[in-house]
Amino acid sequence: MSLFVVLFLAGPSVRAGEKPTAVYGRGRARMVLATGSPGALGLLKALAQPFCRARDCRIFWYKKGSGAALEMLKAGKCDVVMVHAPRAEIRAVAEGWACDRTLIGANHFIIVGPRQDPAGIARARSAPEAYALIARSRSLFYSRGDNSGTNLRELAIWQLAGIRPAGSWYVVTRAFMGPTLLRADHQPGYFMTDNSTYYANRAKLKNLVPLFQDDPILVNVYHALRPSLERFPGRQHTLARNFIAFVASKKGQAVIRDFGRGKYGRPLYQDAAAAAAMGAE
């Protein structure tokens, strides 16, 4: 993780009139939460439902990549974020607008591509070498290009490879993980996805297979944060603090550790203890 560059986070937060992606619970107290893949894959729902029953609350989820989620937090427009951009998170706490940064779990990035592996990345010894092989062969590569945690990690790897990707082979989708993965399968090319999204969508994929994943830089850790009380006194600080504590508790960690096992035959995430063992920041 120490090799990651610090990249500026910018992007849209909640636009005027924007509706939440989903609402969980029926209680009176309301909390706004922003996250990407954990919401899209259903992990947030699995965590929110028991919490909302116990706390008589509702959670309004906005589907946002890590960059946009942190922008929402910085603007005082949400109560909790679940994100995977460690350097940006540390910076947010240091600048004083975020607090209570709590390790909640992890998954892994994998580089998928056509079975034929035209760039030969399966023989790479590192993720930067895999990227260099893709660039050298000008094989089709898909980038989310949306300032998400995934996009920031991708850019960090390109920088480590000493490459500025550009050209017709480098396709920027401006889309979330799942849609970009499916596009890369439809028009076969390489893409760095997290393993959670890959396994959740594997039954839909016809052309893509995992080709590279053995590099510590591909460990993908998630933290929860909330806004600081001093900067944003009007937010739901007690409820947010309680939610983060629940996610980090034995009960919440069990939900994370087992999520996906029944539906996909394997868990989609690892818990905080596993993430810590991987050297999470």
C-alpha atoms as a PDB file:
ATOM      1  CA  MET A   1       0.000   0.000   0.000  1.00  0.00           C
ATOM      2  CA  SER A   2       2.898   2.381   0.627  1.00  0.00           C
ATOM      3  CA  LEU A   3       3.503   2.577  -3.128  1.00  0.00           C
ATOM      4  CA  PHE A   4       0.130   4.134  -3.861  1.00  0.00           C
ATOM      5  CA  VAL A   5       0.181   7.669  -5.114  1.00  0.00           C
ATOM      6  CA  VAL A   6      -2.053  10.282  -3.568  1.00  0.00           C
ATOM      7  CA  LEU A   7      -4.567  11.259  -6.229  1.00  0.00           C
ATOM      8  CA  PHE A   8      -6.992  14.131  -6.006  1.00  0.00           C
ATOM      9  CA  LEU A   9     -10.599  13.100  -5.449  1.00  0.00           C
ATOM     10  CA  ALA A  10     -13.164  15.037  -7.396  1.00  0.00           C
ATOM     11  CA  GLY A  11     -16.539  14.277  -8.794  1.00  0.00           C
ATOM     12  CA  PRO A  12     -20.250  14.689  -8.342  1.00  0.00           C
ATOM     13  CA  SER A  13     -21.937  14.296  -4.985  1.00  0.00           C
ATOM     14  CA  VAL A  14     -25.714  14.351  -4.540  1.00  0.00           C
ATOM     15  CA  ARG A  15     -27.316  16.531  -7.177  1.00  0.00           C
ATOM     16  CA  ALA A  16     -30.398  18.572  -6.401  1.00  0.00           C
ATOM     17  CA  GLY A  17     -33.427  16.301  -6.556  1.00  0.00           C
ATOM     18  CA  GLU A  18     -31.339  13.124  -6.839  1.00  0.00           C
ATOM     19  CA  LYS A  19     -33.174  10.158  -5.347  1.00  0.00           C
ATOM     20  CA  PRO A  20     -31.487   7.494  -3.243  1.00  0.00           C
ATOM     21  CA  THR A  21     -30.649   4.240  -4.969  1.00  0.00           C
ATOM     22  CA  ALA A  22     -32.469   2.292  -2.246  1.00  0.00           C
ATOM     23  CA  VAL A  23     -33.932   2.736   1.214  1.00  0.00           C
ATOM     24  CA  TYR A  24     -33.574   0.104   3.934  1.00  0.00           C
ATOM     25  CA  GLY A  25     -35.655  -0.030   7.110  1.00  0.00           C
ATOM     26  CA  ARG A  26     -38.881   1.700   8.111  1.00  0.00           C
ATOM     27  CA  GLY A  27     -37.917   3.555  11.276  1.00  0.00           C
ATOM     28  CA  ARG A  28     -38.233   7.233  12.058  1.00  0.00           C
ATOM     29  CA  ALA A  29     -34.561   8.190  12.307  1.00  0.00           C
ATOM     30  CA  ARG A  30     -32.881   8.681   8.950  1.00  0.00           C
ATOM     31  CA  MET A  31     -29.297   8.212   7.887  1.00  0.00           C
ATOM     32  CA  VAL A  32     -27.670   8.788   4.493  1.00  0.00           C
ATOM     33  CA  LEU A  33     -24.943   6.377   3.375  1.00  0.00           C
ATOM     34  CA  ALA A  34     -22.831   6.412   0.224  1.00  0.00           C
ATOM     35  CA  THR A  35     -20.994   3.410  -1.203  1.00  0.00           C
ATOM     36  CA  GLY A  36     -20.480   1.565  -4.465  1.00  0.00           C
ATOM     37  CA  SER A  37     -19.976  -2.193  -4.820  1.00  0.00           C
ATOM     38  CA  PRO A  38     -21.058  -3.180  -1.261  1.00  0.00           C
ATOM     39  CA  GLY A  39     -24.418  -1.632  -2.075  1.00  0.00           C
ATOM     40  CA  ALA A  40     -24.652  -2.893  -5.637  1.00  0.00           C
ATOM     41  CA  LEU A  41     -23.850  -6.483  -4.643  1.00  0.00           C
ATOM     42  CA  GLY A  42     -26.246  -6.524  -1.677  1.00  0.00           C
ATOM     43  CA  LEU A  43     -23.813  -6.480   1.259  1.00  0.00           C
ATOM     44  CA  LEU A  44     -25.089  -3.116   2.466  1.00  0.00           C
ATOM     45  CA  LYS A  45     -28.662  -4.419   2.500  1.00  0.00           C
ATOM     46  CA  ALA A  46     -27.567  -7.454   4.538  1.00  0.00           C
ATOM     47  CA  LEU A  47     -25.974  -5.111   7.082  1.00  0.00           C
ATOM     48  CA  ALA A  48     -28.627  -2.386   7.040  1.00  0.00           C
ATOM     49  CA  GLN A  49     -31.683  -4.553   7.626  1.00  0.00           C
ATOM     50  CA  PRO A  50     -30.752  -5.949  11.060  1.00  0.00           C
ATOM     51  CA  PHE A  51     -29.298  -2.599  12.135  1.00  0.00           C
ATOM     52  CA  CYS A  52     -32.430  -0.693  11.138  1.00  0.00           C
ATOM     53  CA  ARG A  53     -34.690  -3.170  12.948  1.00  0.00           C
ATOM     54  CA  ALA A  54     -32.671  -2.774  16.122  1.00  0.00           C
ATOM     55  CA  ARG A  55     -32.354   1.023  15.892  1.00  0.00           C
ATOM     56  CA  ASP A  56     -35.774   1.913  14.448  1.00  0.00           C
ATOM     57  CA  CYS A  57     -34.221   3.789  11.558  1.00  0.00           C
ATOM     58  CA  ARG A  58     -33.983   4.069   7.809  1.00  0.00           C
ATOM     59  CA  ILE A  59     -30.825   4.093   5.714  1.00  0.00           C
ATOM     60  CA  PHE A  60     -30.901   5.994   2.438  1.00  0.00           C
ATOM     61  CA  TRP A  61     -28.260   4.525   0.137  1.00  0.00           C
ATOM     62  CA  TYR A  62     -26.690   6.536  -2.674  1.00  0.00           C
ATOM     63  CA  LYS A  63     -24.673   4.489  -5.149  1.00  0.00           C
ATOM     64  CA  LYS A  64     -21.371   6.329  -5.392  1.00  0.00           C
ATOM     65  CA  GLY A  65     -17.824   5.266  -6.110  1.00  0.00           C
ATOM     66  CA  SER A  66     -15.262   6.097  -3.445  1.00  0.00           C
ATOM     67  CA  GLY A  67     -14.312   9.459  -4.916  1.00  0.00           C
ATOM     68  CA  ALA A  68     -17.890  10.709  -5.166  1.00  0.00           C
ATOM     69  CA  ALA A  69     -18.787   9.193  -1.779  1.00  0.00           C
ATOM     70  CA  LEU A  70     -15.950  11.067  -0.086  1.00  0.00           C
ATOM     71  CA  GLU A  71     -17.021  14.253  -1.854  1.00  0.00           C
ATOM     72  CA  MET A  72     -20.504  13.770  -0.367  1.00  0.00           C
ATOM     73  CA  LEU A  73     -18.940  13.369   3.065  1.00  0.00           C
ATOM     74  CA  LYS A  74     -16.769  16.442   2.599  1.00  0.00           C
ATOM     75  CA  ALA A  75     -19.820  18.477   1.563  1.00  0.00           C
ATOM     76  CA  GLY A  76     -21.790  17.331   4.629  1.00  0.00           C
ATOM     77  CA  LYS A  77     -24.342  15.487   2.491  1.00  0.00           C
ATOM     78  CA  CYS A  78     -24.096  12.031   4.055  1.00  0.00           C
ATOM     79  CA  ASP A  79     -23.629  10.394   7.440  1.00  0.00           C
ATOM     80  CA  VAL A  80     -21.508   7.349   6.560  1.00  0.00           C
ATOM     81  CA  VAL A  81     -19.377   6.193   3.654  1.00  0.00           C
ATOM     82  CA  MET A  82     -18.016   2.713   2.968  1.00  0.00           C
ATOM     83  CA  VAL A  83     -15.042   3.236   0.657  1.00  0.00           C
ATOM     84  CA  HIS A  84     -11.792   1.723  -0.604  1.00  0.00           C
ATOM     85  CA  ALA A  85      -9.397   4.611  -1.215  1.00  0.00           C
ATOM     86  CA  PRO A  86      -6.999   4.376   1.774  1.00  0.00           C
ATOM     87  CA  ARG A  87      -4.742   7.333   1.020  1.00  0.00           C
ATOM     88  CA  ALA A  88      -7.690   9.637   0.364  1.00  0.00           C
ATOM     89  CA  GLU A  89      -9.395   8.426   3.548  1.00  0.00           C
ATOM     90  CA  ILE A  90      -6.306   9.147   5.649  1.00  0.00           C
ATOM     91  CA  ARG A  91      -6.081  12.567   4.071  1.00  0.00           C
ATOM     92  CA  ALA A  92      -9.762  13.244   4.851  1.00  0.00           C
ATOM     93  CA  VAL A  93      -9.214  12.482   8.533  1.00  0.00           C
ATOM     94  CA  ALA A  94      -6.031  14.591   8.633  1.00  0.00           C
ATOM     95  CA  GLU A  95      -7.901  17.534   7.098  1.00  0.00           C
ATOM     96  CA  GLY A  96     -10.540  17.275   9.812  1.00  0.00           C
ATOM     97  CA  TRP A  97     -13.734  16.705   7.841  1.00  0.00           C
ATOM     98  CA  ALA A  98     -13.940  12.941   8.373  1.00  0.00           C
ATOM     99  CA  CYS A  99     -13.506  10.800  11.463  1.00  0.00           C
ATOM    100  CA  ASP A 100     -14.048   7.364  13.025  1.00  0.00           C
ATOM    101  CA  ARG A 101     -12.205   5.629  10.168  1.00  0.00           C
ATOM    102  CA  THR A 102     -12.817   1.935  10.796  1.00  0.00           C
ATOM    103  CA  LEU A 103     -11.530  -1.095   8.931  1.00  0.00           C
ATOM    104  CA  ILE A 104     -14.517  -3.253   7.947  1.00  0.00           C
ATOM    105  CA  GLY A 105     -13.292  -5.804   5.393  1.00  0.00           C
ATOM    106  CA  ALA A 106     -11.589  -6.505   2.100  1.00  0.00           C
ATOM    107  CA  ASN A 107     -11.620  -8.254  -1.224  1.00  0.00           C
ATOM    108  CA  HIS A 108      -9.089  -8.466  -4.065  1.00  0.00           C
ATOM    109  CA  PHE A 109      -8.695  -6.913  -7.448  1.00  0.00           C
ATOM    110  CA  ILE A 110      -8.152  -9.292 -10.339  1.00  0.00           C
ATOM    111  CA  ILE A 111      -7.273  -8.535 -13.937  1.00  0.00           C
ATOM    112  CA  VAL A 112      -9.637 -10.364 -16.241  1.00  0.00           C
ATOM    113  CA  GLY A 113      -9.353 -10.702 -19.989  1.00  0.00           C
ATOM    114  CA  PRO A 114     -10.061 -12.883 -23.012  1.00  0.00           C
ATOM    115  CA  ARG A 115      -9.198 -16.565 -22.608  1.00  0.00           C
ATOM    116  CA  GLN A 116      -6.677 -16.231 -25.460  1.00  0.00           C
ATOM    117  CA  ASP A 117      -4.783 -13.632 -23.350  1.00  0.00           C
ATOM    118  CA  PRO A 118      -3.410 -11.684 -26.352  1.00  0.00           C
ATOM    119  CA  ALA A 119      -1.097  -9.588 -24.149  1.00  0.00           C
ATOM    120  CA  GLY A 120       0.228 -12.625 -22.264  1.00  0.00           C
ATOM    121  CA  ILE A 121      -0.402 -11.163 -18.803  1.00  0.00           C
ATOM    122  CA  ALA A 122      -0.795 -14.593 -17.195  1.00  0.00           C
ATOM    123  CA  ARG A 123       3.016 -14.835 -17.219  1.00  0.00           C
ATOM    124  CA  ALA A 124       3.488 -11.405 -15.559  1.00  0.00           C
ATOM    125  CA  ARG A 125       5.298 -11.220 -12.220  1.00  0.00           C
ATOM    126  CA  SER A 126       3.481  -8.097 -10.989  1.00  0.00           C
ATOM    127  CA  ALA A 127       0.435  -5.972 -11.753  1.00  0.00           C
ATOM    128  CA  PRO A 128       2.549  -3.141 -13.262  1.00  0.00           C
ATOM    129  CA  GLU A 129       4.222  -5.712 -15.543  1.00  0.00           C
ATOM    130  CA  ALA A 130       0.782  -7.008 -16.583  1.00  0.00           C
ATOM    131  CA  TYR A 131      -0.291  -3.463 -17.440  1.00  0.00           C
ATOM    132  CA  ALA A 132       2.943  -2.897 -19.394  1.00  0.00           C
ATOM    133  CA  LEU A 133       2.281  -6.018 -21.458  1.00  0.00           C
ATOM    134  CA  ILE A 134      -1.247  -4.789 -22.236  1.00  0.00           C
ATOM    135  CA  ALA A 135       0.037  -1.372 -23.317  1.00  0.00           C
ATOM    136  CA  ARG A 136       2.883  -2.850 -25.386  1.00  0.00           C
ATOM    137  CA  SER A 137       0.481  -5.094 -27.294  1.00  0.00           C
ATOM    138  CA  ARG A 138      -2.156  -2.338 -27.514  1.00  0.00           C
ATOM    139  CA  SER A 139      -4.730  -4.877 -26.413  1.00  0.00           C
ATOM    140  CA  LEU A 140      -8.157  -3.504 -25.551  1.00  0.00           C
ATOM    141  CA  PHE A 141      -8.299  -2.318 -21.925  1.00  0.00           C
ATOM    142  CA  TYR A 142     -11.318  -0.899 -20.122  1.00  0.00           C
ATOM    143  CA  SER A 143     -11.017   1.817 -17.496  1.00  0.00           C
ATOM    144  CA  ARG A 144     -13.886   3.109 -15.409  1.00  0.00           C
ATOM    145  CA  GLY A 145     -12.406   6.604 -15.555  1.00  0.00           C
ATOM    146  CA  ASP A 146     -14.789   7.740 -12.808  1.00  0.00           C
ATOM    147  CA  ASN A 147     -12.406   8.575  -9.946  1.00  0.00           C
ATOM    148  CA  SER A 148     -13.676   5.571  -7.983  1.00  0.00           C
ATOM    149  CA  GLY A 149     -11.434   3.572  -5.678  1.00  0.00           C
ATOM    150  CA  THR A 150     -10.975   1.059  -8.496  1.00  0.00           C
ATOM    151  CA  ASN A 151     -10.024   3.781 -10.957  1.00  0.00           C
ATOM    152  CA  LEU A 152      -7.566   5.330  -8.488  1.00  0.00           C
ATOM    153  CA  ARG A 153      -5.888   1.963  -7.972  1.00  0.00           C
ATOM    154  CA  GLU A 154      -5.712   1.410 -11.723  1.00  0.00           C
ATOM    155  CA  LEU A 155      -4.056   4.800 -12.229  1.00  0.00           C
ATOM    156  CA  ALA A 156      -1.567   4.052  -9.454  1.00  0.00           C
ATOM    157  CA  ILE A 157      -0.581   0.817 -11.207  1.00  0.00           C
ATOM    158  CA  TRP A 158      -0.134   2.572 -14.541  1.00  0.00           C
ATOM    159  CA  GLN A 159       2.109   5.095 -12.794  1.00  0.00           C
ATOM    160  CA  LEU A 160       4.183   2.320 -11.243  1.00  0.00           C
ATOM    161  CA  ALA A 161       4.518   0.843 -14.738  1.00  0.00           C
ATOM    162  CA  GLY A 162       5.761   4.213 -16.011  1.00  0.00           C
ATOM    163  CA  ILE A 163       2.958   4.433 -18.559  1.00  0.00           C
ATOM    164  CA  ARG A 164       0.356   7.061 -19.396  1.00  0.00           C
ATOM    165  CA  PRO A 165      -2.358   5.005 -21.092  1.00  0.00           C
ATOM    166  CA  ALA A 166      -3.915   6.606 -24.149  1.00  0.00           C
ATOM    167  CA  GLY A 167      -5.169   5.634 -27.557  1.00  0.00           C
ATOM    168  CA  SER A 168      -7.962   3.657 -29.126  1.00  0.00           C
ATOM    169  CA  TRP A 169      -7.008   0.542 -27.111  1.00  0.00           C
ATOM    170  CA  TYR A 170      -7.663   2.359 -23.797  1.00  0.00           C
ATOM    171  CA  VAL A 171     -11.447   2.641 -23.414  1.00  0.00           C
ATOM    172  CA  VAL A 172     -12.873   4.865 -20.657  1.00  0.00           C
ATOM    173  CA  THR A 173     -16.427   3.850 -19.762  1.00  0.00           C
ATOM    174  CA  ARG A 174     -17.428   6.344 -17.009  1.00  0.00           C
ATOM    175  CA  ALA A 175     -19.509   3.475 -15.601  1.00  0.00           C
ATOM    176  CA  PHE A 176     -19.653   1.380 -12.445  1.00  0.00           C
ATOM    177  CA  MET A 177     -17.860  -1.924 -11.942  1.00  0.00           C
ATOM    178  CA  GLY A 178     -20.593  -4.326 -13.057  1.00  0.00           C
ATOM    179  CA  PRO A 179     -21.530  -2.560 -16.308  1.00  0.00           C
ATOM    180  CA  THR A 180     -17.868  -2.121 -17.242  1.00  0.00           C
ATOM    181  CA  LEU A 181     -17.173  -5.807 -16.579  1.00  0.00           C
ATOM    182  CA  LEU A 182     -20.077  -6.817 -18.810  1.00  0.00           C
ATOM    183  CA  ARG A 183     -18.943  -4.444 -21.545  1.00  0.00           C
ATOM    184  CA  ALA A 184     -15.448  -5.919 -21.395  1.00  0.00           C
ATOM    185  CA  ASP A 185     -17.021  -9.350 -21.840  1.00  0.00           C
ATOM    186  CA  HIS A 186     -19.233  -8.249 -24.755  1.00  0.00           C
ATOM    187  CA  GLN A 187     -16.342  -6.605 -26.606  1.00  0.00           C
ATOM    188  CA  PRO A 188     -13.531  -8.721 -25.149  1.00  0.00           C
ATOM    189  CA  GLY A 189     -10.770  -6.768 -23.467  1.00  0.00           C
ATOM    190  CA  TYR A 190      -8.863  -6.531 -20.201  1.00  0.00           C
ATOM    191  CA  PHE A 191     -10.352  -4.987 -17.078  1.00  0.00           C
ATOM    192  CA  MET A 192      -9.375  -4.783 -13.413  1.00  0.00           C
ATOM    193  CA  THR A 193     -12.406  -5.725 -11.344  1.00  0.00           C
ATOM    194  CA  ASP A 194     -12.776  -6.788  -7.744  1.00  0.00           C
ATOM    195  CA  ASN A 195     -13.268 -10.497  -7.211  1.00  0.00           C
ATOM    196  CA  SER A 196     -16.640  -9.860  -5.520  1.00  0.00           C
ATOM    197  CA  THR A 197     -18.093  -8.332  -8.687  1.00  0.00           C
ATOM    198  CA  TYR A 198     -16.499 -11.014 -10.844  1.00  0.00           C
ATOM    199  CA  TYR A 199     -17.997 -13.924  -8.899  1.00  0.00           C
ATOM    200  CA  ALA A 200     -21.389 -12.207  -8.645  1.00  0.00           C
ATOM    201  CA  ASN A 201     -21.469 -11.844 -12.442  1.00  0.00           C
ATOM    202  CA  ARG A 202     -19.532 -14.940 -13.496  1.00  0.00           C
ATOM    203  CA  ALA A 203     -22.626 -16.773 -14.779  1.00  0.00           C
ATOM    204  CA  LYS A 204     -23.226 -13.920 -17.259  1.00  0.00           C
ATOM    205  CA  LEU A 205     -19.683 -13.878 -18.642  1.00  0.00           C
ATOM    206  CA  LYS A 206     -18.892 -15.685 -21.879  1.00  0.00           C
ATOM    207  CA  ASN A 207     -15.428 -14.478 -22.789  1.00  0.00           C
ATOM    208  CA  LEU A 208     -13.562 -13.234 -19.717  1.00  0.00           C
ATOM    209  CA  VAL A 209     -11.490 -15.225 -17.230  1.00  0.00           C
ATOM    210  CA  PRO A 210      -9.185 -14.177 -14.361  1.00  0.00           C
ATOM    211  CA  LEU A 211      -5.651 -13.905 -15.749  1.00  0.00           C
ATOM    212  CA  PHE A 212      -3.653 -12.125 -13.045  1.00  0.00           C
ATOM    213  CA  GLN A 213      -4.186 -11.630  -9.311  1.00  0.00           C
ATOM    214  CA  ASP A 214      -1.002 -12.419  -7.379  1.00  0.00           C
ATOM    215  CA  ASP A 215       0.288  -9.033  -6.245  1.00  0.00           C
ATOM    216  CA  PRO A 216      -0.087  -7.317  -2.830  1.00  0.00           C
ATOM    217  CA  ILE A 217      -1.026  -4.094  -4.624  1.00  0.00           C
ATOM    218  CA  LEU A 218      -4.295  -5.782  -5.617  1.00  0.00           C
ATOM    219  CA  VAL A 219      -5.504  -6.186  -2.019  1.00  0.00           C
ATOM    220  CA  ASN A 220      -8.607  -3.998  -1.750  1.00  0.00           C
ATOM    221  CA  VAL A 221      -9.524  -2.867   1.769  1.00  0.00           C
ATOM    222  CA  TYR A 222     -12.737  -1.123   2.849  1.00  0.00           C
ATOM    223  CA  HIS A 223     -13.195   1.399   5.644  1.00  0.00           C
ATOM    224  CA  ALA A 224     -16.237   3.183   7.007  1.00  0.00           C
ATOM    225  CA  LEU A 225     -16.032   6.874   7.924  1.00  0.00           C
ATOM    226  CA  ARG A 226     -18.419   9.545   9.134  1.00  0.00           C
ATOM    227  CA  PRO A 227     -18.283  13.369   9.040  1.00  0.00           C
ATOM    228  CA  SER A 228     -16.689  15.233  11.921  1.00  0.00           C
ATOM    229  CA  LEU A 229     -19.068  16.721  14.478  1.00  0.00           C
ATOM    230  CA  GLU A 230     -17.181  20.024  14.508  1.00  0.00           C
ATOM    231  CA  ARG A 231     -17.586  20.559  10.757  1.00  0.00           C
ATOM    232  CA  PHE A 232     -21.099  19.152  10.373  1.00  0.00           C
ATOM    233  CA  PRO A 233     -23.093  19.413  13.622  1.00  0.00           C
ATOM    234  CA  GLY A 234     -26.399  18.793  11.837  1.00  0.00           C
ATOM    235  CA  ARG A 235     -25.642  15.241  10.693  1.00  0.00           C
ATOM    236  CA  GLN A 236     -26.787  12.006  12.347  1.00  0.00           C
ATOM    237  CA  HIS A 237     -23.593  11.462  14.315  1.00  0.00           C
ATOM    238  CA  THR A 238     -24.921   9.092  16.974  1.00  0.00           C
ATOM    239  CA  LEU A 239     -26.686   6.874  14.454  1.00  0.00           C
ATOM    240  CA  ALA A 240     -23.651   6.926  12.162  1.00  0.00           C
ATOM    241  CA  ARG A 241     -21.323   6.036  15.040  1.00  0.00           C
ATOM    242  CA  ASN A 242     -23.615   3.175  16.034  1.00  0.00           C
ATOM    243  CA  PHE A 243     -23.790   1.851  12.467  1.00  0.00           C
ATOM    244  CA  ILE A 244     -20.019   1.816  12.083  1.00  0.00           C
ATOM    245  CA  ALA A 245     -19.718   0.072  15.463  1.00  0.00           C
ATOM    246  CA  PHE A 246     -22.275  -2.522  14.335  1.00  0.00           C
ATOM    247  CA  VAL A 247     -20.445  -3.232  11.084  1.00  0.00           C
ATOM    248  CA  ALA A 248     -17.216  -3.684  13.053  1.00  0.00           C
ATOM    249  CA  SER A 249     -18.893  -5.860  15.722  1.00  0.00           C
ATOM    250  CA  LYS A 250     -18.875  -9.667  15.815  1.00  0.00           C
ATOM    251  CA  LYS A 251     -22.382  -9.731  14.350  1.00  0.00           C
ATOM    252  CA  GLY A 252     -21.588  -7.308  11.545  1.00  0.00           C
ATOM    253  CA  GLN A 253     -18.311  -9.022  10.737  1.00  0.00           C
ATOM    254  CA  ALA A 254     -20.094 -12.375  10.514  1.00  0.00           C
ATOM    255  CA  VAL A 255     -22.438 -10.867   7.926  1.00  0.00           C
ATOM    256  CA  ILE A 256     -19.469  -9.646   5.872  1.00  0.00           C
ATOM    257  CA  ARG A 257     -17.535 -12.892   6.257  1.00  0.00           C
ATOM    258  CA  ASP A 258     -20.446 -15.072   5.092  1.00  0.00           C
ATOM    259  CA  PHE A 259     -22.038 -12.788   2.500  1.00  0.00           C
ATOM    260  CA  GLY A 260     -22.483 -14.543  -0.848  1.00  0.00           C
ATOM    261  CA  ARG A 261     -21.668 -18.035   0.388  1.00  0.00           C
ATOM    262  CA  GLY A 262     -25.188 -19.378  -0.097  1.00  0.00           C
ATOM    263  CA  LYS A 263     -25.836 -17.758  -3.484  1.00  0.00           C
ATOM    264  CA  TYR A 264     -22.417 -17.984  -5.120  1.00  0.00           C
ATOM    265  CA  GLY A 265     -20.836 -20.898  -3.271  1.00  0.00           C
ATOM    266  CA  ARG A 266     -18.161 -18.665  -1.752  1.00  0.00           C
ATOM    267  CA  PRO A 267     -18.050 -15.496   0.346  1.00  0.00           C
ATOM    268  CA  LEU A 268     -17.615 -12.310  -1.675  1.00  0.00           C
ATOM    269  CA  TYR A 269     -15.741 -10.406   1.035  1.00  0.00           C
ATOM    270  CA  GLN A 270     -13.267 -11.032   3.821  1.00  0.00           C
ATOM    271  CA  ASP A 271     -13.676  -9.592   7.284  1.00  0.00           C
ATOM    272  CA  ALA A 272     -11.597  -6.925   9.020  1.00  0.00           C
ATOM    273  CA  ALA A 273      -9.340  -9.472  10.732  1.00  0.00           C
ATOM    274  CA  ALA A 274      -8.386 -10.928   7.356  1.00  0.00           C
ATOM    275  CA  ALA A 275      -7.890  -7.434   5.949  1.00  0.00           C
ATOM    276  CA  ALA A 276      -5.606  -6.523   8.871  1.00  0.00           C
ATOM    277  CA  ALA A 277      -3.588  -9.683   8.287  1.00  0.00           C
ATOM    278  CA  MET A 278      -3.050  -8.509   4.688  1.00  0.00           C
ATOM    279  CA  GLY A 279      -1.445  -5.328   5.974  1.00  0.00           C
ATOM    280  CA  ALA A 280      -4.436  -3.004   5.578  1.00  0.00           C
ATOM    281  CA  GLU A 281      -3.768   0.667   6.313  1.00  0.00           C
END
